[in-house]
Every structure is written in C-alpha cells, then in structure tokens.
N, C-alpha and C. Protein backbone atom coordinates (compact mmCIF):
# COMPACT_ATOMS: atom_id res chain seq x y z
N UNK A 1 80.12 125.18 111.39
CA UNK A 1 80.67 124.42 112.50
C UNK A 1 81.10 123.04 112.00
N UNK A 2 82.29 122.63 112.33
CA UNK A 2 82.85 121.37 111.83
C UNK A 2 82.04 120.16 112.26
N UNK A 3 81.41 120.23 113.42
CA UNK A 3 80.64 119.10 113.94
C UNK A 3 79.48 118.75 113.01
N UNK A 4 79.04 119.70 112.20
CA UNK A 4 77.90 119.48 111.32
C UNK A 4 78.32 118.99 109.93
N UNK A 5 79.45 118.31 109.81
CA UNK A 5 79.87 117.81 108.50
C UNK A 5 78.82 116.85 107.96
N UNK A 6 78.74 116.79 106.65
CA UNK A 6 77.77 115.91 106.00
C UNK A 6 77.96 114.46 106.45
N UNK A 7 79.20 114.02 106.52
CA UNK A 7 79.47 112.63 106.89
C UNK A 7 78.96 112.31 108.29
N UNK A 8 79.31 113.13 109.27
CA UNK A 8 78.87 112.86 110.64
C UNK A 8 77.36 112.98 110.78
N UNK A 9 76.77 113.93 110.08
CA UNK A 9 75.31 114.08 110.10
C UNK A 9 74.64 112.82 109.55
N UNK A 10 75.12 112.33 108.41
CA UNK A 10 74.54 111.13 107.79
C UNK A 10 74.75 109.90 108.67
N UNK A 11 75.92 109.77 109.29
CA UNK A 11 76.16 108.64 110.19
C UNK A 11 75.23 108.69 111.40
N UNK A 12 75.02 109.89 111.96
CA UNK A 12 74.12 110.02 113.11
C UNK A 12 72.69 109.65 112.72
N UNK A 13 72.26 110.03 111.52
CA UNK A 13 70.91 109.70 111.05
C UNK A 13 70.73 108.21 110.86
N UNK A 14 71.69 107.57 110.25
CA UNK A 14 71.54 106.16 109.85
C UNK A 14 71.97 105.16 110.92
N UNK A 15 72.96 105.52 111.74
CA UNK A 15 73.54 104.55 112.68
C UNK A 15 73.53 105.04 114.12
N UNK A 16 72.53 105.79 114.51
CA UNK A 16 72.48 106.39 115.86
C UNK A 16 72.67 105.34 116.95
N UNK A 17 72.08 104.17 116.80
CA UNK A 17 72.16 103.13 117.84
C UNK A 17 73.56 102.52 117.93
N UNK A 18 74.35 102.65 116.90
CA UNK A 18 75.69 102.05 116.88
C UNK A 18 76.81 103.06 117.12
N UNK A 19 76.47 104.34 117.22
CA UNK A 19 77.48 105.36 117.45
C UNK A 19 77.71 105.55 118.94
N UNK A 20 78.96 105.49 119.34
CA UNK A 20 79.31 105.76 120.73
C UNK A 20 79.67 107.23 120.91
N UNK A 21 80.29 107.82 119.87
CA UNK A 21 80.73 109.21 119.95
C UNK A 21 81.09 109.69 118.55
N UNK A 22 80.92 110.98 118.30
CA UNK A 22 81.43 111.60 117.08
C UNK A 22 82.07 112.93 117.46
N UNK A 23 83.07 113.30 116.74
CA UNK A 23 83.66 114.62 116.91
C UNK A 23 84.45 115.00 115.66
N UNK A 24 84.71 116.29 115.57
CA UNK A 24 85.46 116.82 114.45
C UNK A 24 86.45 117.85 114.97
N UNK A 25 87.67 117.77 114.51
CA UNK A 25 88.69 118.73 114.92
C UNK A 25 89.49 119.12 113.69
N UNK A 26 89.46 120.40 113.36
CA UNK A 26 90.18 120.93 112.21
C UNK A 26 89.88 120.17 110.92
N UNK A 27 88.62 119.82 110.75
CA UNK A 27 88.20 119.14 109.54
C UNK A 27 88.38 117.64 109.55
N UNK A 28 88.96 117.08 110.61
CA UNK A 28 89.10 115.63 110.72
C UNK A 28 87.91 115.07 111.49
N UNK A 29 87.05 114.36 110.78
CA UNK A 29 85.88 113.75 111.40
C UNK A 29 86.25 112.40 111.99
N UNK A 30 85.71 112.11 113.16
CA UNK A 30 85.92 110.82 113.82
C UNK A 30 84.59 110.31 114.33
N UNK A 31 84.34 109.04 114.10
CA UNK A 31 83.16 108.37 114.65
C UNK A 31 83.64 107.12 115.37
N UNK A 32 83.19 106.94 116.60
CA UNK A 32 83.50 105.73 117.37
C UNK A 32 82.23 104.91 117.38
N UNK A 33 82.35 103.67 116.93
CA UNK A 33 81.16 102.83 116.74
C UNK A 33 81.32 101.49 117.46
N UNK A 34 80.20 100.81 117.66
CA UNK A 34 80.23 99.44 118.16
C UNK A 34 80.88 98.55 117.10
N UNK A 35 81.65 97.58 117.54
CA UNK A 35 82.41 96.75 116.59
C UNK A 35 81.52 95.99 115.61
N UNK A 36 80.33 95.58 116.04
CA UNK A 36 79.46 94.81 115.14
C UNK A 36 78.92 95.66 113.99
N UNK A 37 79.10 96.96 114.04
CA UNK A 37 78.58 97.84 113.00
C UNK A 37 79.60 98.19 111.93
N UNK A 38 80.82 97.67 112.00
CA UNK A 38 81.85 98.11 111.07
C UNK A 38 81.50 97.80 109.62
N UNK A 39 80.99 96.63 109.32
CA UNK A 39 80.69 96.30 107.93
C UNK A 39 79.53 97.16 107.40
N UNK A 40 78.42 97.29 108.13
CA UNK A 40 77.36 98.19 107.62
C UNK A 40 77.82 99.64 107.48
N UNK A 41 78.59 100.15 108.42
CA UNK A 41 79.07 101.54 108.35
C UNK A 41 80.02 101.70 107.17
N UNK A 42 80.96 100.80 107.02
CA UNK A 42 81.92 100.88 105.91
C UNK A 42 81.21 100.76 104.56
N UNK A 43 80.23 99.87 104.49
CA UNK A 43 79.46 99.72 103.25
C UNK A 43 78.71 101.01 102.92
N UNK A 44 78.10 101.60 103.93
CA UNK A 44 77.37 102.86 103.74
C UNK A 44 78.32 103.96 103.26
N UNK A 45 79.47 104.10 103.91
CA UNK A 45 80.42 105.14 103.53
C UNK A 45 80.89 104.96 102.08
N UNK A 46 81.07 103.73 101.69
CA UNK A 46 81.56 103.45 100.34
C UNK A 46 80.47 103.63 99.28
N UNK A 47 79.27 103.18 99.57
CA UNK A 47 78.22 103.13 98.55
C UNK A 47 77.33 104.36 98.47
N UNK A 48 77.29 105.18 99.51
CA UNK A 48 76.46 106.38 99.47
C UNK A 48 77.06 107.36 98.44
N UNK A 49 76.29 107.74 97.45
CA UNK A 49 76.81 108.56 96.34
C UNK A 49 77.23 109.96 96.78
N UNK A 50 76.61 110.50 97.82
CA UNK A 50 77.00 111.82 98.31
C UNK A 50 78.32 111.78 99.08
N UNK A 51 78.53 110.70 99.82
CA UNK A 51 79.75 110.58 100.63
C UNK A 51 80.91 110.03 99.81
N UNK A 52 80.69 108.92 99.12
CA UNK A 52 81.65 108.34 98.19
C UNK A 52 83.04 108.12 98.78
N UNK A 53 83.10 107.49 99.94
CA UNK A 53 84.40 107.15 100.54
C UNK A 53 84.93 105.90 99.83
N UNK A 54 85.65 106.14 98.74
CA UNK A 54 86.06 105.04 97.87
C UNK A 54 87.50 104.59 98.07
N UNK A 55 88.16 105.12 99.10
CA UNK A 55 89.57 104.76 99.32
C UNK A 55 89.80 104.48 100.80
N UNK A 56 90.25 103.27 101.09
CA UNK A 56 90.66 102.91 102.45
C UNK A 56 92.13 103.28 102.56
N UNK A 57 92.41 104.37 103.28
CA UNK A 57 93.79 104.86 103.40
C UNK A 57 94.62 104.01 104.33
N UNK A 58 94.01 103.57 105.44
CA UNK A 58 94.76 102.84 106.45
C UNK A 58 93.80 102.11 107.36
N UNK A 59 94.31 101.08 107.96
CA UNK A 59 93.58 100.33 108.98
C UNK A 59 94.65 99.87 109.96
N UNK A 60 94.49 100.21 111.22
CA UNK A 60 95.49 99.84 112.20
C UNK A 60 94.81 99.60 113.54
N UNK A 61 95.61 99.40 114.57
CA UNK A 61 95.07 99.19 115.91
C UNK A 61 95.89 99.97 116.92
N UNK A 62 95.28 100.18 118.07
CA UNK A 62 95.95 100.84 119.19
C UNK A 62 95.73 99.95 120.40
N UNK A 63 96.81 99.68 121.13
CA UNK A 63 96.69 98.96 122.40
C UNK A 63 96.52 100.01 123.49
N UNK A 64 95.37 100.03 124.11
CA UNK A 64 95.02 101.05 125.11
C UNK A 64 95.32 100.60 126.53
N UNK A 65 96.17 99.60 126.69
CA UNK A 65 96.42 99.00 127.99
C UNK A 65 96.77 100.04 129.07
N UNK A 66 97.64 100.96 128.77
CA UNK A 66 98.09 101.91 129.77
C UNK A 66 97.38 103.27 129.68
N UNK A 67 96.30 103.34 128.92
CA UNK A 67 95.60 104.61 128.73
C UNK A 67 94.42 104.78 129.68
N UNK A 68 94.11 103.76 130.46
CA UNK A 68 93.01 103.86 131.41
C UNK A 68 91.63 103.73 130.79
N UNK A 69 91.54 103.23 129.57
CA UNK A 69 90.25 103.04 128.92
C UNK A 69 89.57 101.78 129.43
N UNK A 70 88.26 101.70 129.22
CA UNK A 70 87.52 100.49 129.59
C UNK A 70 87.86 99.34 128.65
N UNK A 71 88.21 99.67 127.43
CA UNK A 71 88.53 98.65 126.43
C UNK A 71 90.04 98.54 126.27
N UNK A 72 90.48 97.40 125.77
CA UNK A 72 91.91 97.15 125.61
C UNK A 72 92.43 97.64 124.25
N UNK A 73 91.67 97.41 123.19
CA UNK A 73 92.13 97.74 121.85
C UNK A 73 91.14 98.66 121.14
N UNK A 74 91.65 99.39 120.18
CA UNK A 74 90.83 100.11 119.22
C UNK A 74 91.34 99.74 117.84
N UNK A 75 90.42 99.36 116.96
CA UNK A 75 90.77 99.21 115.55
C UNK A 75 90.37 100.52 114.90
N UNK A 76 91.30 101.09 114.14
CA UNK A 76 91.12 102.43 113.57
C UNK A 76 91.18 102.34 112.04
N UNK A 77 90.13 102.86 111.40
CA UNK A 77 90.01 102.85 109.94
C UNK A 77 90.06 104.30 109.46
N UNK A 78 90.82 104.56 108.39
CA UNK A 78 90.87 105.88 107.79
C UNK A 78 90.36 105.76 106.35
N UNK A 79 89.23 106.43 106.09
CA UNK A 79 88.63 106.42 104.77
C UNK A 79 88.77 107.79 104.13
N UNK A 80 88.87 107.81 102.79
CA UNK A 80 89.00 109.06 102.05
C UNK A 80 88.10 109.00 100.83
N UNK A 81 87.50 110.14 100.51
CA UNK A 81 86.71 110.27 99.29
C UNK A 81 87.53 111.02 98.26
N UNK A 82 87.86 110.37 97.18
CA UNK A 82 88.64 111.02 96.13
C UNK A 82 87.84 112.12 95.44
N UNK A 83 86.52 111.96 95.36
CA UNK A 83 85.70 112.95 94.67
C UNK A 83 85.44 114.19 95.52
N UNK A 84 85.22 114.03 96.82
CA UNK A 84 84.89 115.18 97.67
C UNK A 84 86.09 115.68 98.48
N UNK A 85 87.17 114.90 98.50
CA UNK A 85 88.40 115.22 99.27
C UNK A 85 88.13 115.24 100.78
N UNK A 86 87.14 114.50 101.23
CA UNK A 86 86.85 114.39 102.66
C UNK A 86 87.45 113.11 103.21
N UNK A 87 87.73 113.14 104.49
CA UNK A 87 88.26 111.95 105.15
C UNK A 87 87.51 111.75 106.46
N UNK A 88 87.48 110.49 106.89
CA UNK A 88 86.87 110.18 108.18
C UNK A 88 87.65 109.06 108.83
N UNK A 89 87.75 109.15 110.13
CA UNK A 89 88.38 108.12 110.95
C UNK A 89 87.25 107.40 111.69
N UNK A 90 87.22 106.09 111.56
CA UNK A 90 86.26 105.26 112.28
C UNK A 90 87.03 104.43 113.29
N UNK A 91 86.62 104.48 114.55
CA UNK A 91 87.26 103.68 115.59
C UNK A 91 86.24 102.72 116.16
N UNK A 92 86.72 101.54 116.49
CA UNK A 92 85.85 100.58 117.16
C UNK A 92 86.61 99.95 118.32
N UNK A 93 86.10 100.12 119.54
CA UNK A 93 86.78 99.56 120.72
C UNK A 93 86.53 98.05 120.84
N UNK A 94 87.55 97.34 121.32
CA UNK A 94 87.47 95.90 121.53
C UNK A 94 88.01 95.55 122.91
N UNK A 95 87.47 94.51 123.50
CA UNK A 95 87.92 94.07 124.81
C UNK A 95 89.25 93.33 124.74
N UNK A 96 89.80 93.05 125.91
CA UNK A 96 91.10 92.38 126.00
C UNK A 96 90.99 90.89 125.70
N UNK A 97 89.89 90.31 126.11
CA UNK A 97 89.72 88.87 125.93
C UNK A 97 89.11 88.61 124.56
N UNK A 98 89.83 87.91 123.72
CA UNK A 98 89.34 87.54 122.40
C UNK A 98 88.96 88.75 121.53
N UNK A 99 89.86 89.69 121.26
CA UNK A 99 89.50 90.84 120.44
C UNK A 99 89.22 90.43 119.00
N UNK A 100 87.99 90.66 118.56
CA UNK A 100 87.56 90.27 117.21
C UNK A 100 86.66 91.33 116.63
N UNK A 101 86.74 91.49 115.33
CA UNK A 101 85.87 92.39 114.58
C UNK A 101 85.70 91.78 113.19
N UNK A 102 84.61 92.12 112.52
CA UNK A 102 84.37 91.58 111.18
C UNK A 102 85.35 92.19 110.18
N UNK A 103 85.72 91.41 109.19
CA UNK A 103 86.63 91.85 108.14
C UNK A 103 85.90 92.74 107.14
N UNK A 104 86.61 93.73 106.61
CA UNK A 104 86.06 94.54 105.52
C UNK A 104 86.81 94.26 104.22
N UNK A 105 87.55 93.15 104.17
CA UNK A 105 88.33 92.80 102.98
C UNK A 105 87.43 92.55 101.77
N UNK A 106 86.17 92.19 101.99
CA UNK A 106 85.25 92.00 100.87
C UNK A 106 84.86 93.34 100.24
N UNK A 107 84.99 94.43 100.98
CA UNK A 107 84.67 95.77 100.46
C UNK A 107 85.89 96.44 99.82
N UNK A 108 87.04 96.28 100.45
CA UNK A 108 88.29 96.86 99.96
C UNK A 108 89.35 95.77 99.95
N UNK A 109 89.84 95.44 98.78
CA UNK A 109 90.86 94.39 98.67
C UNK A 109 92.09 94.73 99.49
N UNK A 110 92.44 96.00 99.59
CA UNK A 110 93.61 96.43 100.34
C UNK A 110 93.51 96.15 101.83
N UNK A 111 92.30 95.96 102.33
CA UNK A 111 92.11 95.65 103.75
C UNK A 111 92.71 94.29 104.10
N UNK A 112 92.86 93.43 103.12
CA UNK A 112 93.44 92.11 103.33
C UNK A 112 94.79 92.23 104.06
N UNK A 113 95.68 93.01 103.53
CA UNK A 113 97.02 93.14 104.13
C UNK A 113 96.98 93.91 105.43
N UNK A 114 96.18 94.98 105.49
CA UNK A 114 96.08 95.76 106.74
C UNK A 114 95.58 94.88 107.89
N UNK A 115 94.56 94.09 107.62
CA UNK A 115 94.00 93.22 108.67
C UNK A 115 95.00 92.15 109.08
N UNK A 116 95.73 91.62 108.13
CA UNK A 116 96.77 90.64 108.47
C UNK A 116 97.85 91.27 109.33
N UNK A 117 98.22 92.50 109.05
CA UNK A 117 99.22 93.19 109.85
C UNK A 117 98.72 93.41 111.28
N UNK A 118 97.46 93.83 111.43
CA UNK A 118 96.89 94.05 112.76
C UNK A 118 96.81 92.73 113.52
N UNK A 119 96.45 91.66 112.83
CA UNK A 119 96.42 90.34 113.48
C UNK A 119 97.82 89.97 113.95
N UNK A 120 98.79 90.13 113.08
CA UNK A 120 100.17 89.74 113.37
C UNK A 120 100.76 90.55 114.53
N UNK A 121 100.58 91.84 114.52
CA UNK A 121 101.21 92.72 115.51
C UNK A 121 100.43 92.84 116.82
N UNK A 122 99.08 92.80 116.76
CA UNK A 122 98.26 93.04 117.95
C UNK A 122 97.42 91.83 118.38
N UNK A 123 97.22 90.88 117.49
CA UNK A 123 96.40 89.72 117.84
C UNK A 123 94.90 89.95 117.72
N UNK A 124 94.49 90.97 116.99
CA UNK A 124 93.07 91.21 116.76
C UNK A 124 92.64 90.35 115.58
N UNK A 125 91.61 89.52 115.80
CA UNK A 125 91.12 88.64 114.74
C UNK A 125 90.06 89.35 113.92
N UNK A 126 90.06 89.06 112.62
CA UNK A 126 89.08 89.63 111.71
C UNK A 126 88.23 88.49 111.17
N UNK A 127 87.00 88.41 111.68
CA UNK A 127 86.07 87.36 111.27
C UNK A 127 85.76 87.48 109.78
N UNK A 128 85.82 86.36 109.08
CA UNK A 128 85.51 86.34 107.66
C UNK A 128 86.67 86.73 106.76
N UNK A 129 87.85 86.95 107.33
CA UNK A 129 89.01 87.29 106.51
C UNK A 129 89.39 86.08 105.67
N UNK A 130 89.72 86.28 104.38
CA UNK A 130 90.00 85.14 103.51
C UNK A 130 91.31 84.40 103.79
N UNK A 131 92.27 85.02 104.47
CA UNK A 131 93.56 84.36 104.67
C UNK A 131 94.30 85.00 105.85
N UNK A 132 93.71 84.90 107.03
CA UNK A 132 94.28 85.57 108.20
C UNK A 132 95.47 84.78 108.73
N UNK A 133 96.65 85.21 108.32
CA UNK A 133 97.89 84.60 108.81
C UNK A 133 98.94 85.69 108.91
N UNK A 134 100.04 85.37 109.53
CA UNK A 134 101.10 86.35 109.75
C UNK A 134 101.59 86.91 108.41
N UNK A 135 101.97 88.19 108.48
CA UNK A 135 102.45 88.86 107.27
C UNK A 135 103.84 89.47 107.49
N UNK A 136 104.15 89.86 108.72
CA UNK A 136 105.46 90.46 109.02
C UNK A 136 106.36 89.53 109.83
N UNK A 137 105.80 88.80 110.75
CA UNK A 137 106.57 87.87 111.57
C UNK A 137 106.48 86.47 110.95
N UNK A 138 107.39 85.62 111.32
CA UNK A 138 107.37 84.25 110.80
C UNK A 138 106.31 83.43 111.54
N UNK A 139 105.84 82.37 110.91
CA UNK A 139 104.71 81.59 111.43
C UNK A 139 104.93 81.07 112.85
N UNK A 140 106.16 80.71 113.19
CA UNK A 140 106.44 80.14 114.50
C UNK A 140 106.55 81.19 115.61
N UNK A 141 106.52 82.46 115.26
CA UNK A 141 106.65 83.54 116.23
C UNK A 141 105.52 83.43 117.25
N UNK A 142 105.87 83.57 118.51
CA UNK A 142 104.88 83.44 119.58
C UNK A 142 104.52 84.81 120.14
N UNK A 143 103.23 85.11 120.13
CA UNK A 143 102.76 86.38 120.66
C UNK A 143 102.56 87.42 119.59
N UNK A 144 102.31 88.65 120.03
CA UNK A 144 102.02 89.76 119.13
C UNK A 144 102.84 90.96 119.61
N UNK A 145 103.89 91.32 118.89
CA UNK A 145 104.92 92.23 119.40
C UNK A 145 104.50 93.68 119.66
N UNK A 146 103.39 94.17 119.14
CA UNK A 146 103.00 95.55 119.42
C UNK A 146 102.02 95.67 120.59
N UNK A 147 101.73 94.56 121.24
CA UNK A 147 100.93 94.65 122.47
C UNK A 147 101.80 95.24 123.57
N UNK A 148 101.21 96.09 124.37
CA UNK A 148 101.98 96.77 125.42
C UNK A 148 102.51 95.80 126.47
N UNK A 149 101.88 94.64 126.63
CA UNK A 149 102.34 93.68 127.62
C UNK A 149 103.23 92.59 127.02
N UNK A 150 103.66 92.77 125.77
CA UNK A 150 104.55 91.80 125.15
C UNK A 150 105.93 91.89 125.82
N UNK A 151 106.48 90.76 126.29
CA UNK A 151 107.80 90.80 126.95
C UNK A 151 108.90 91.05 125.93
N UNK A 152 109.52 92.22 125.98
CA UNK A 152 110.49 92.60 124.95
C UNK A 152 111.74 91.73 124.95
N UNK A 153 112.02 91.06 126.03
CA UNK A 153 113.19 90.18 126.08
C UNK A 153 112.83 88.71 125.83
N UNK A 154 111.62 88.47 125.36
CA UNK A 154 111.15 87.10 125.11
C UNK A 154 111.99 86.46 124.01
N UNK A 155 112.42 85.24 124.28
CA UNK A 155 113.16 84.47 123.27
C UNK A 155 112.16 83.73 122.40
N UNK A 156 112.38 83.79 121.12
CA UNK A 156 111.49 83.16 120.16
C UNK A 156 112.09 81.85 119.67
N UNK A 157 111.24 80.96 119.15
CA UNK A 157 111.75 79.70 118.60
C UNK A 157 112.72 79.96 117.45
N UNK A 158 113.75 79.14 117.39
CA UNK A 158 114.70 79.25 116.29
C UNK A 158 114.06 78.72 115.02
N UNK A 159 114.37 79.37 113.92
CA UNK A 159 113.88 78.89 112.63
C UNK A 159 115.05 78.87 111.67
N UNK A 160 114.87 78.21 110.54
CA UNK A 160 115.90 78.20 109.52
C UNK A 160 116.81 76.99 109.65
N UNK A 161 117.84 76.93 108.83
CA UNK A 161 118.75 75.79 108.83
C UNK A 161 119.39 75.54 110.18
N UNK A 162 119.33 74.33 110.62
CA UNK A 162 119.95 73.93 111.89
C UNK A 162 119.02 74.05 113.07
N UNK A 163 117.86 74.66 112.92
CA UNK A 163 116.92 74.74 114.04
C UNK A 163 116.16 73.42 114.14
N UNK A 164 115.54 73.15 115.27
CA UNK A 164 114.82 71.88 115.42
C UNK A 164 113.82 71.65 114.28
N UNK A 165 113.91 70.47 113.69
CA UNK A 165 113.02 70.11 112.61
C UNK A 165 113.50 70.57 111.24
N UNK A 166 114.62 71.29 111.17
CA UNK A 166 115.16 71.77 109.90
C UNK A 166 116.46 71.04 109.59
N UNK A 167 116.70 70.76 108.33
CA UNK A 167 117.96 70.08 107.98
C UNK A 167 119.17 71.01 108.22
N UNK A 168 120.28 70.40 108.58
CA UNK A 168 121.52 71.14 108.79
C UNK A 168 122.25 71.22 107.44
N UNK A 169 122.66 72.44 107.05
CA UNK A 169 123.36 72.56 105.75
C UNK A 169 124.70 71.86 105.78
N UNK A 170 125.12 71.30 104.66
CA UNK A 170 126.39 70.57 104.57
C UNK A 170 127.48 71.44 104.04
C-alpha cells in the first residue's frame, strides 16, 4: 500500500505533533505540516541515511484565495533522493496576514533563489534568509504579481532613464 511508504512512516513517527495530513497517490508522497516545523522536517529528510533526500527539486507557493481553504497560502517543497529515487512533497499552510516561514537556504543553497522568487511573486517572507530581495521584478515594483487579488491593471512606478529621480539621456 502506497500510504505505508518509508518516508511517510518515518515522518509520522518523528513529527506526529507537526503533521496535519499525509497521503500518497501513485507513488507521490505528500505531507502537510505546521510551518514552524519546516526546518526540522527538512533537516531530517536530508540527514536521515535511509531517506537521503539530498536534492531540493523545487520550492514554490500557491495562493489559495479562491479555493475556500482556511489558509491563504501554501509553501510547497519538492524533495528528491538521488540514491533511492524517491520524492516527497511537503506543504505548509500560511495565513493571509503576514505570511512567513523559516528559510531552508542554510540546508540547500539552491533554496536561496527559490525563496526569493516566492517572496517576489507572492509576498511570503522567509525568516533567516541571507538576502531576501526581489529577483524577477525590479525593486520599485509595488505588490506581488502572482497573488490572486493583485490588480492586473495596476500601474507601476516608472523606472529607467527619464523617470523621476533618474537622469535624462542627452
């Protein structure tokens, strides 16, 4: 039975108080956890020799505004074990007001860019991130364009030559 995967069994044993839900579908394991548990869970997945989740495939977010969920955002992590060829999706729900979760950039250097992208596009802050600033949009950009309530016709501040505070080219 897929529900009895080694990864989900080990997570249930070690983090029962922090697990909100687990499920498996066609070999894809998913664990939904409390946001404060992301660093301990990620550390466990990476350092446990049997699990050996040594590759962070992706880190993204979902705006659940129109999905009828109690929470506004989900931060979604996809981990892969190169040695066992197993993968797991970890989700952590966040509220609408001040969405924040701890950074895992100290565990995976690649998380640096993923977390910056999620901050830039969704406005989710990553506590302890070494350089949380925009990566896709320019610094003066106002708002977070992948939020469902972002006004698509919003005018943004002008930047570049000739904009306020910038020299006019001759």
